[in-house]
Amino acid sequence: MTAFATLRRTLEKRAEYLRVKREIEALPVELAVEDLGIYPGDADKIARRAVYG
């Protein structure tokens, strides 16, 4: 993989991480906690695991 391809993939993953994090943080607390079983305050941890493994 070239340096350009690596940089591009890194930036794509970062953008995806930020998108997922924002979406989780934007969930109404009632929906997140009661229906999905997640705490919006854990958005960083959840998004990181979802994108980076």
PDB file of N, CA and C in Angstrom:
ATOM      1  N   MET A   1       0.856  -1.173   0.000  1.00  0.00           N
ATOM      2  CA  MET A   1       0.000   0.000   0.000  1.00  0.00           C
ATOM      3  C   MET A   1       0.901   1.235   0.000  1.00  0.00           C
ATOM      4  N   THR A   2       0.584   2.171  -0.848  1.00  0.00           N
ATOM      5  CA  THR A   2       1.393   3.377  -0.943  1.00  0.00           C
ATOM      6  C   THR A   2       1.110   4.304   0.231  1.00  0.00           C
ATOM      7  N   ALA A   3       1.987   5.263   0.427  1.00  0.00           N
ATOM      8  CA  ALA A   3       1.812   6.233   1.506  1.00  0.00           C
ATOM      9  C   ALA A   3       0.530   7.031   1.287  1.00  0.00           C
ATOM     10  N   PHE A   4       0.240   7.353   0.047  1.00  0.00           N
ATOM     11  CA  PHE A   4      -0.977   8.106  -0.252  1.00  0.00           C
ATOM     12  C   PHE A   4      -2.219   7.292   0.089  1.00  0.00           C
ATOM     13  N   ALA A   5      -2.220   6.025  -0.264  1.00  0.00           N
ATOM     14  CA  ALA A   5      -3.361   5.146   0.031  1.00  0.00           C
ATOM     15  C   ALA A   5      -3.540   4.982   1.536  1.00  0.00           C
ATOM     16  N   THR A   6      -2.432   4.852   2.253  1.00  0.00           N
ATOM     17  CA  THR A   6      -2.495   4.726   3.709  1.00  0.00           C
ATOM     18  C   THR A   6      -3.075   5.990   4.331  1.00  0.00           C
ATOM     19  N   LEU A   7      -2.604   7.135   3.882  1.00  0.00           N
ATOM     20  CA  LEU A   7      -3.113   8.411   4.394  1.00  0.00           C
ATOM     21  C   LEU A   7      -4.595   8.565   4.088  1.00  0.00           C
ATOM     22  N   ARG A   8      -4.970   8.217   2.880  1.00  0.00           N
ATOM     23  CA  ARG A   8      -6.375   8.325   2.487  1.00  0.00           C
ATOM     24  C   ARG A   8      -7.257   7.437   3.361  1.00  0.00           C
ATOM     25  N   ARG A   9      -6.850   6.194   3.582  1.00  0.00           N
ATOM     26  CA  ARG A   9      -7.626   5.266   4.413  1.00  0.00           C
ATOM     27  C   ARG A   9      -7.708   5.761   5.858  1.00  0.00           C
ATOM     28  N   THR A  10      -6.629   6.323   6.358  1.00  0.00           N
ATOM     29  CA  THR A  10      -6.619   6.880   7.712  1.00  0.00           C
ATOM     30  C   THR A  10      -7.612   8.024   7.829  1.00  0.00           C
ATOM     31  N   LEU A  11      -7.629   8.903   6.864  1.00  0.00           N
ATOM     32  CA  LEU A  11      -8.566  10.032   6.879  1.00  0.00           C
ATOM     33  C   LEU A  11     -10.007   9.570   6.725  1.00  0.00           C
ATOM     34  N   GLU A  12     -10.232   8.544   5.907  1.00  0.00           N
ATOM     35  CA  GLU A  12     -11.579   7.995   5.752  1.00  0.00           C
ATOM     36  C   GLU A  12     -12.075   7.393   7.063  1.00  0.00           C
ATOM     37  N   LYS A  13     -11.207   6.663   7.742  1.00  0.00           N
ATOM     38  CA  LYS A  13     -11.594   6.062   9.021  1.00  0.00           C
ATOM     39  C   LYS A  13     -11.872   7.139  10.064  1.00  0.00           C
ATOM     40  N   ARG A  14     -11.071   8.180  10.083  1.00  0.00           N
ATOM     41  CA  ARG A  14     -11.279   9.277  11.040  1.00  0.00           C
ATOM     42  C   ARG A  14     -12.626   9.945  10.784  1.00  0.00           C
ATOM     43  N   ALA A  15     -12.965  10.192   9.528  1.00  0.00           N
ATOM     44  CA  ALA A  15     -14.244  10.801   9.185  1.00  0.00           C
ATOM     45  C   ALA A  15     -15.399   9.899   9.599  1.00  0.00           C
ATOM     46  N   GLU A  16     -15.256   8.607   9.373  1.00  0.00           N
ATOM     47  CA  GLU A  16     -16.295   7.658   9.768  1.00  0.00           C
ATOM     48  C   GLU A  16     -16.450   7.631  11.287  1.00  0.00           C
ATOM     49  N   TYR A  17     -15.331   7.626  12.004  1.00  0.00           N
ATOM     50  CA  TYR A  17     -15.355   7.650  13.466  1.00  0.00           C
ATOM     51  C   TYR A  17     -16.104   8.886  13.979  1.00  0.00           C
ATOM     52  N   LEU A  18     -15.773  10.047  13.439  1.00  0.00           N
ATOM     53  CA  LEU A  18     -16.430  11.285  13.878  1.00  0.00           C
ATOM     54  C   LEU A  18     -17.922  11.272  13.569  1.00  0.00           C
ATOM     55  N   ARG A  19     -18.299  10.715  12.421  1.00  0.00           N
ATOM     56  CA  ARG A  19     -19.712  10.634  12.052  1.00  0.00           C
ATOM     57  C   ARG A  19     -20.476   9.735  13.024  1.00  0.00           C
ATOM     58  N   VAL A  20     -19.920   8.571  13.302  1.00  0.00           N
ATOM     59  CA  VAL A  20     -20.574   7.631  14.215  1.00  0.00           C
ATOM     60  C   VAL A  20     -20.678   8.245  15.609  1.00  0.00           C
ATOM     61  N   LYS A  21     -19.621   8.876  16.063  1.00  0.00           N
ATOM     62  CA  LYS A  21     -19.609   9.500  17.389  1.00  0.00           C
ATOM     63  C   LYS A  21     -20.691  10.578  17.490  1.00  0.00           C
ATOM     64  N   ARG A  22     -20.786  11.432  16.478  1.00  0.00           N
ATOM     65  CA  ARG A  22     -21.806  12.495  16.474  1.00  0.00           C
ATOM     66  C   ARG A  22     -23.214  11.909  16.491  1.00  0.00           C
ATOM     67  N   GLU A  23     -23.426  10.848  15.713  1.00  0.00           N
ATOM     68  CA  GLU A  23     -24.755  10.233  15.655  1.00  0.00           C
ATOM     69  C   GLU A  23     -25.146   9.649  17.009  1.00  0.00           C
ATOM     70  N   ILE A  24     -24.221   9.009  17.682  1.00  0.00           N
ATOM     71  CA  ILE A  24     -24.510   8.443  19.000  1.00  0.00           C
ATOM     72  C   ILE A  24     -24.787   9.555  20.000  1.00  0.00           C
ATOM     73  N   GLU A  25     -23.977  10.591  19.979  1.00  0.00           N
ATOM     74  CA  GLU A  25     -24.165  11.709  20.910  1.00  0.00           C
ATOM     75  C   GLU A  25     -25.491  12.422  20.683  1.00  0.00           C
ATOM     76  N   ALA A  26     -25.990  12.401  19.456  1.00  0.00           N
ATOM     77  CA  ALA A  26     -27.228  13.098  19.126  1.00  0.00           C
ATOM     78  C   ALA A  26     -28.483  12.308  19.487  1.00  0.00           C
ATOM     79  N   LEU A  27     -28.323  11.026  19.828  1.00  0.00           N
ATOM     80  CA  LEU A  27     -29.494  10.218  20.178  1.00  0.00           C
ATOM     81  C   LEU A  27     -30.160  10.759  21.446  1.00  0.00           C
ATOM     82  N   PRO A  28     -31.487  10.764  21.470  1.00  0.00           N
ATOM     83  CA  PRO A  28     -32.164  11.108  22.724  1.00  0.00           C
ATOM     84  C   PRO A  28     -31.765  10.084  23.790  1.00  0.00           C
ATOM     85  N   VAL A  29     -31.519  10.559  25.002  1.00  0.00           N
ATOM     86  CA  VAL A  29     -31.042   9.686  26.073  1.00  0.00           C
ATOM     87  C   VAL A  29     -31.994   8.522  26.304  1.00  0.00           C
ATOM     88  N   GLU A  30     -33.286   8.797  26.277  1.00  0.00           N
ATOM     89  CA  GLU A  30     -34.265   7.731  26.513  1.00  0.00           C
ATOM     90  C   GLU A  30     -34.132   6.617  25.481  1.00  0.00           C
ATOM     91  N   LEU A  31     -33.995   6.986  24.232  1.00  0.00           N
ATOM     92  CA  LEU A  31     -33.847   5.996  23.158  1.00  0.00           C
ATOM     93  C   LEU A  31     -32.546   5.225  23.320  1.00  0.00           C
ATOM     94  N   ALA A  32     -31.470   5.942  23.547  1.00  0.00           N
ATOM     95  CA  ALA A  32     -30.164   5.303  23.651  1.00  0.00           C
ATOM     96  C   ALA A  32     -30.115   4.316  24.816  1.00  0.00           C
ATOM     97  N   VAL A  33     -30.550   4.770  25.977  1.00  0.00           N
ATOM     98  CA  VAL A  33     -30.419   3.937  27.171  1.00  0.00           C
ATOM     99  C   VAL A  33     -31.478   2.843  27.209  1.00  0.00           C
ATOM    100  N   GLU A  34     -32.726   3.209  27.059  1.00  0.00           N
ATOM    101  CA  GLU A  34     -33.809   2.246  27.234  1.00  0.00           C
ATOM    102  C   GLU A  34     -33.957   1.287  26.062  1.00  0.00           C
ATOM    103  N   ASP A  35     -33.857   1.789  24.852  1.00  0.00           N
ATOM    104  CA  ASP A  35     -34.088   0.931  23.689  1.00  0.00           C
ATOM    105  C   ASP A  35     -32.819   0.271  23.153  1.00  0.00           C
ATOM    106  N   LEU A  36     -31.731   1.001  23.146  1.00  0.00           N
ATOM    107  CA  LEU A  36     -30.503   0.471  22.559  1.00  0.00           C
ATOM    108  C   LEU A  36     -29.519  -0.055  23.605  1.00  0.00           C
ATOM    109  N   GLY A  37     -29.710   0.332  24.851  1.00  0.00           N
ATOM    110  CA  GLY A  37     -28.831  -0.131  25.916  1.00  0.00           C
ATOM    111  C   GLY A  37     -27.446   0.473  25.889  1.00  0.00           C
ATOM    112  N   ILE A  38     -27.329   1.689  25.342  1.00  0.00           N
ATOM    113  CA  ILE A  38     -26.032   2.364  25.330  1.00  0.00           C
ATOM    114  C   ILE A  38     -26.158   3.717  26.023  1.00  0.00           C
ATOM    115  N   TYR A  39     -25.065   4.197  26.544  1.00  0.00           N
ATOM    116  CA  TYR A  39     -25.018   5.504  27.197  1.00  0.00           C
ATOM    117  C   TYR A  39     -24.324   6.469  26.253  1.00  0.00           C
ATOM    118  N   PRO A  40     -24.991   7.581  25.873  1.00  0.00           N
ATOM    119  CA  PRO A  40     -24.385   8.520  24.927  1.00  0.00           C
ATOM    120  C   PRO A  40     -23.026   9.057  25.379  1.00  0.00           C
ATOM    121  N   GLY A  41     -22.773   9.061  26.679  1.00  0.00           N
ATOM    122  CA  GLY A  41     -21.470   9.493  27.173  1.00  0.00           C
ATOM    123  C   GLY A  41     -20.345   8.558  26.769  1.00  0.00           C
ATOM    124  N   ASP A  42     -20.686   7.349  26.360  1.00  0.00           N
ATOM    125  CA  ASP A  42     -19.694   6.382  25.880  1.00  0.00           C
ATOM    126  C   ASP A  42     -19.525   6.433  24.365  1.00  0.00           C
ATOM    127  N   ALA A  43     -20.015   7.489  23.739  1.00  0.00           N
ATOM    128  CA  ALA A  43     -19.982   7.592  22.278  1.00  0.00           C
ATOM    129  C   ALA A  43     -18.573   7.431  21.728  1.00  0.00           C
ATOM    130  N   ASP A  44     -17.590   8.016  22.389  1.00  0.00           N
ATOM    131  CA  ASP A  44     -16.209   7.926  21.919  1.00  0.00           C
ATOM    132  C   ASP A  44     -15.754   6.470  21.884  1.00  0.00           C
ATOM    133  N   LYS A  45     -15.976   5.762  22.967  1.00  0.00           N
ATOM    134  CA  LYS A  45     -15.551   4.362  23.066  1.00  0.00           C
ATOM    135  C   LYS A  45     -16.293   3.481  22.064  1.00  0.00           C
ATOM    136  N   ILE A  46     -17.596   3.695  21.930  1.00  0.00           N
ATOM    137  CA  ILE A  46     -18.412   2.889  21.014  1.00  0.00           C
ATOM    138  C   ILE A  46     -18.008   3.133  19.570  1.00  0.00           C
ATOM    139  N   ALA A  47     -17.822   4.401  19.208  1.00  0.00           N
ATOM    140  CA  ALA A  47     -17.445   4.748  17.834  1.00  0.00           C
ATOM    141  C   ALA A  47     -16.060   4.209  17.514  1.00  0.00           C
ATOM    142  N   ARG A  48     -15.131   4.320  18.445  1.00  0.00           N
ATOM    143  CA  ARG A  48     -13.782   3.816  18.210  1.00  0.00           C
ATOM    144  C   ARG A  48     -13.803   2.321  17.952  1.00  0.00           C
ATOM    145  N   ARG A  49     -14.567   1.586  18.773  1.00  0.00           N
ATOM    146  CA  ARG A  49     -14.645   0.134  18.603  1.00  0.00           C
ATOM    147  C   ARG A  49     -15.310  -0.210  17.271  1.00  0.00           C
ATOM    148  N   ALA A  50     -16.347   0.533  16.895  1.00  0.00           N
ATOM    149  CA  ALA A  50     -17.073   0.250  15.650  1.00  0.00           C
ATOM    150  C   ALA A  50     -16.200   0.480  14.413  1.00  0.00           C
ATOM    151  N   VAL A  51     -15.375   1.508  14.446  1.00  0.00           N
ATOM    152  CA  VAL A  51     -14.593   1.858  13.264  1.00  0.00           C
ATOM    153  C   VAL A  51     -13.240   1.164  13.238  1.00  0.00           C
ATOM    154  N   TYR A  52     -12.561   1.154  14.356  1.00  0.00           N
ATOM    155  CA  TYR A  52     -11.192   0.640  14.386  1.00  0.00           C
ATOM    156  C   TYR A  52     -11.072  -0.799  14.881  1.00  0.00           C
ATOM    157  N   GLY A  53     -12.160  -1.319  15.407  1.00  0.00           N
ATOM    158  CA  GLY A  53     -12.136  -2.699  15.874  1.00  0.00           C
ATOM    159  C   GLY A  53     -11.756  -2.848  17.313  1.00  0.00           C
TER     160      GLY A  53
END
